C-alpha atoms as a PDB file:
ATOM      1  CA  UNK A   1      26.129  19.790 -26.506  1.00  0.00           C
ATOM      2  CA  UNK A   2      23.291  22.263 -26.024  1.00  0.00           C
ATOM      3  CA  UNK A   3      21.919  23.672 -22.786  1.00  0.00           C
ATOM      4  CA  UNK A   4      19.002  21.265 -22.821  1.00  0.00           C
ATOM      5  CA  UNK A   5      20.998  18.059 -23.285  1.00  0.00           C
ATOM      6  CA  UNK A   6      20.918  17.210 -19.581  1.00  0.00           C
ATOM      7  CA  UNK A   7      17.131  17.593 -19.443  1.00  0.00           C
ATOM      8  CA  UNK A   8      16.658  15.550 -22.605  1.00  0.00           C
ATOM      9  CA  UNK A   9      18.814  12.715 -21.236  1.00  0.00           C
ATOM     10  CA  UNK A  10      17.017  12.742 -17.877  1.00  0.00           C
ATOM     11  CA  UNK A  11      13.730  12.660 -19.734  1.00  0.00           C
ATOM     12  CA  UNK A  12      14.791   9.714 -21.849  1.00  0.00           C
ATOM     13  CA  UNK A  13      15.894   7.875 -18.709  1.00  0.00           C
ATOM     14  CA  UNK A  14      12.538   8.476 -17.048  1.00  0.00           C
ATOM     15  CA  UNK A  15      10.674   7.302 -20.134  1.00  0.00           C
ATOM     16  CA  UNK A  16      12.701   4.064 -20.216  1.00  0.00           C
ATOM     17  CA  UNK A  17      12.234   3.548 -16.470  1.00  0.00           C
ATOM     18  CA  UNK A  18       8.515   4.233 -16.819  1.00  0.00           C
ATOM     19  CA  UNK A  19       8.139   1.763 -19.668  1.00  0.00           C
ATOM     20  CA  UNK A  20       9.858  -0.934 -17.599  1.00  0.00           C
ATOM     21  CA  UNK A  21       7.669  -0.224 -14.561  1.00  0.00           C
ATOM     22  CA  UNK A  22       4.526  -0.194 -16.689  1.00  0.00           C
ATOM     23  CA  UNK A  23       5.430  -3.551 -18.245  1.00  0.00           C
ATOM     24  CA  UNK A  24       6.340  -5.056 -14.866  1.00  0.00           C
ATOM     25  CA  UNK A  25       3.068  -3.800 -13.408  1.00  0.00           C
ATOM     26  CA  UNK A  26       1.113  -5.428 -16.228  1.00  0.00           C
ATOM     27  CA  UNK A  27       3.048  -8.693 -15.899  1.00  0.00           C
ATOM     28  CA  UNK A  28       2.561  -8.900 -12.130  1.00  0.00           C
ATOM     29  CA  UNK A  29      -0.960  -7.459 -12.128  1.00  0.00           C
ATOM     30  CA  UNK A  30       0.216  -4.533  -9.961  1.00  0.00           C
ATOM     31  CA  UNK A  31      -1.856  -1.452 -10.835  1.00  0.00           C
ATOM     32  CA  UNK A  32       0.193   0.805  -8.530  1.00  0.00           C
ATOM     33  CA  UNK A  33       3.452  -0.049 -10.302  1.00  0.00           C
ATOM     34  CA  UNK A  34       1.733   0.338 -13.655  1.00  0.00           C
ATOM     35  CA  UNK A  35       0.456   3.799 -12.664  1.00  0.00           C
ATOM     36  CA  UNK A  36       3.930   4.815 -11.443  1.00  0.00           C
ATOM     37  CA  UNK A  37       5.347   3.713 -14.781  1.00  0.00           C
ATOM     38  CA  UNK A  38       2.842   5.772 -16.720  1.00  0.00           C
ATOM     39  CA  UNK A  39       3.609   8.792 -14.529  1.00  0.00           C
ATOM     40  CA  UNK A  40       7.352   8.400 -15.128  1.00  0.00           C
ATOM     41  CA  UNK A  41       6.785   8.209 -18.895  1.00  0.00           C
ATOM     42  CA  UNK A  42       4.805  11.468 -18.825  1.00  0.00           C
ATOM     43  CA  UNK A  43       7.446  13.070 -16.596  1.00  0.00           C
ATOM     44  CA  UNK A  44      10.145  11.972 -19.037  1.00  0.00           C
ATOM     45  CA  UNK A  45       8.296  13.428 -21.994  1.00  0.00           C
ATOM     46  CA  UNK A  46       7.961  16.743 -20.153  1.00  0.00           C
ATOM     47  CA  UNK A  47      11.685  16.779 -19.315  1.00  0.00           C
ATOM     48  CA  UNK A  48      12.601  16.079 -22.933  1.00  0.00           C
ATOM     49  CA  UNK A  49      10.369  18.913 -24.088  1.00  0.00           C
ATOM     50  CA  UNK A  50      11.970  21.245 -21.539  1.00  0.00           C
ATOM     51  CA  UNK A  51      15.400  20.321 -22.890  1.00  0.00           C
ATOM     52  CA  UNK A  52      14.345  20.920 -26.477  1.00  0.00           C
ATOM     53  CA  UNK A  53      12.965  24.337 -25.553  1.00  0.00           C
ATOM     54  CA  UNK A  54      16.241  25.300 -23.864  1.00  0.00           C
ATOM     55  CA  UNK A  55      18.058  24.531 -27.110  1.00  0.00           C
ATOM     56  CA  UNK A  56      15.873  26.823 -29.207  1.00  0.00           C
END
């Protein structure tokens, strides 16, 4: 396991969480939850990228 594995896994978790929040926000017509979900997806992508950079 590389140095960035922890960051990549955290990032994946945030992306999954964000997708669920985004979908729940759409289903319940809750723009705040939808926005939080989109933020978490972006945060997850950034964490994954950080992990990949640590491994290079």
